[in-house]
Amino acid sequence: MTLTATVPTTSGSRYLQQLCKHWSHKFETDFTPEQGVIAFPMGPIRMAATPEALVVTLEPDEGADIERFKQVVADHLDRFAFREAPLPFDWK
């Protein structure tokens, strides 16, 4: 199962890098300005930045609390995006 949200923002690259740097002291991360992956305990978080959006994909592990997973990621990104928060996450 994967969940994806395309979040409209022109600052996707900045938010992607901030989130990866923020969690790099706790979890394995790999990122460039355009792509990022975080080995999160509930499952991998993958992000891709475009000029108009940040695409966030969650791959919850079996038994993960999916609603909590979505909320943790959205809350952290909203903190970095405080000027335009709350960001609209339409998970599919």
Protein backbone atom coordinates (compact mmCIF):
# COMPACT_ATOMS: atom_id res chain seq x y z
CA MET A 1 0.00 0.00 0.00
CA THR A 2 1.21 3.48 -0.83
CA LEU A 3 -0.33 6.86 -0.09
CA THR A 4 0.55 9.90 -2.17
CA ALA A 5 -0.23 13.57 -1.72
CA THR A 6 0.64 16.25 -4.26
CA VAL A 7 1.03 19.40 -2.19
CA PRO A 8 0.88 22.63 -4.18
CA THR A 9 3.83 24.85 -3.24
CA THR A 10 6.66 26.61 -5.03
CA SER A 11 8.95 25.77 -2.08
CA GLY A 12 8.84 21.98 -2.38
CA SER A 13 12.59 21.59 -2.77
CA ARG A 14 13.27 23.63 0.35
CA TYR A 15 10.72 21.71 2.44
CA LEU A 16 12.01 18.34 1.16
CA GLN A 17 15.57 19.21 2.17
CA GLN A 18 14.52 20.64 5.54
CA LEU A 19 12.55 17.52 6.45
CA CYS A 20 15.37 15.21 5.38
CA LYS A 21 17.96 17.23 7.32
CA HIS A 22 15.64 17.41 10.35
CA TRP A 23 15.26 13.63 10.53
CA SER A 24 18.79 12.73 9.40
CA HIS A 25 20.01 12.68 13.01
CA LYS A 26 17.50 9.92 13.86
CA PHE A 27 16.86 8.04 10.62
CA GLU A 28 18.71 7.14 7.46
CA THR A 29 18.05 9.74 4.76
CA ASP A 30 19.12 10.26 1.18
CA PHE A 31 18.26 13.42 -0.69
CA THR A 32 19.01 15.91 -3.42
CA PRO A 33 17.15 19.19 -4.05
CA GLU A 34 14.68 17.24 -6.22
CA GLN A 35 14.26 13.85 -4.49
CA GLY A 36 14.36 12.55 -0.94
CA VAL A 37 13.88 9.31 0.98
CA ILE A 38 13.59 8.90 4.75
CA ALA A 39 13.77 5.45 6.36
CA PHE A 40 11.01 6.28 8.84
CA PRO A 41 10.06 3.70 11.51
CA MET A 42 6.47 3.41 10.18
CA GLY A 43 7.72 2.93 6.60
CA PRO A 44 9.64 4.83 3.94
CA ILE A 45 8.80 8.42 3.08
CA ARG A 46 9.60 9.42 -0.51
CA MET A 47 9.44 12.98 -1.75
CA ALA A 48 9.85 14.65 -5.11
CA ALA A 49 9.94 18.40 -5.66
CA THR A 50 8.66 20.06 -8.82
CA PRO A 51 8.46 23.80 -9.48
CA GLU A 52 4.76 23.77 -8.50
CA ALA A 53 4.45 21.00 -5.90
CA LEU A 54 5.94 18.61 -3.39
CA VAL A 55 4.87 15.02 -4.03
CA VAL A 56 4.95 13.01 -0.80
CA THR A 57 4.61 9.22 -0.90
CA LEU A 58 4.25 7.10 2.23
CA GLU A 59 4.79 3.35 2.18
CA PRO A 60 3.38 2.22 5.55
CA ASP A 61 4.73 -0.98 7.06
CA GLU A 62 2.20 -3.66 7.89
CA GLY A 63 0.50 -2.74 11.13
CA ALA A 64 1.51 0.93 10.96
CA ASP A 65 -0.99 3.50 12.20
CA ILE A 66 -1.64 5.09 8.82
CA GLU A 67 -3.56 8.10 10.12
CA ARG A 68 -0.77 8.87 12.62
CA PHE A 69 1.86 8.42 9.88
CA LYS A 70 0.08 10.94 7.62
CA GLN A 71 -0.36 13.37 10.51
CA VAL A 72 3.29 13.25 11.64
CA VAL A 73 4.54 13.99 8.13
CA ALA A 74 1.98 16.75 7.50
CA ASP A 75 2.65 18.38 10.89
CA HIS A 76 6.40 18.47 10.31
CA LEU A 77 6.07 19.88 6.80
CA ASP A 78 3.60 22.50 8.06
CA ARG A 79 6.18 23.65 10.61
CA PHE A 80 8.71 24.27 7.84
CA ALA A 81 6.01 25.89 5.68
CA PHE A 82 4.73 28.17 8.44
CA ARG A 83 4.28 31.07 5.98
CA GLU A 84 1.83 29.06 3.87
CA ALA A 85 0.59 26.47 6.39
CA PRO A 86 -1.49 24.53 6.67
CA LEU A 87 -0.49 22.84 3.44
CA PRO A 88 -3.26 20.91 1.69
CA PHE A 89 -2.60 17.16 1.84
CA ASP A 90 -5.04 15.20 -0.31
CA TRP A 91 -3.85 11.64 0.33
CA LYS A 92 -4.73 9.05 -2.31
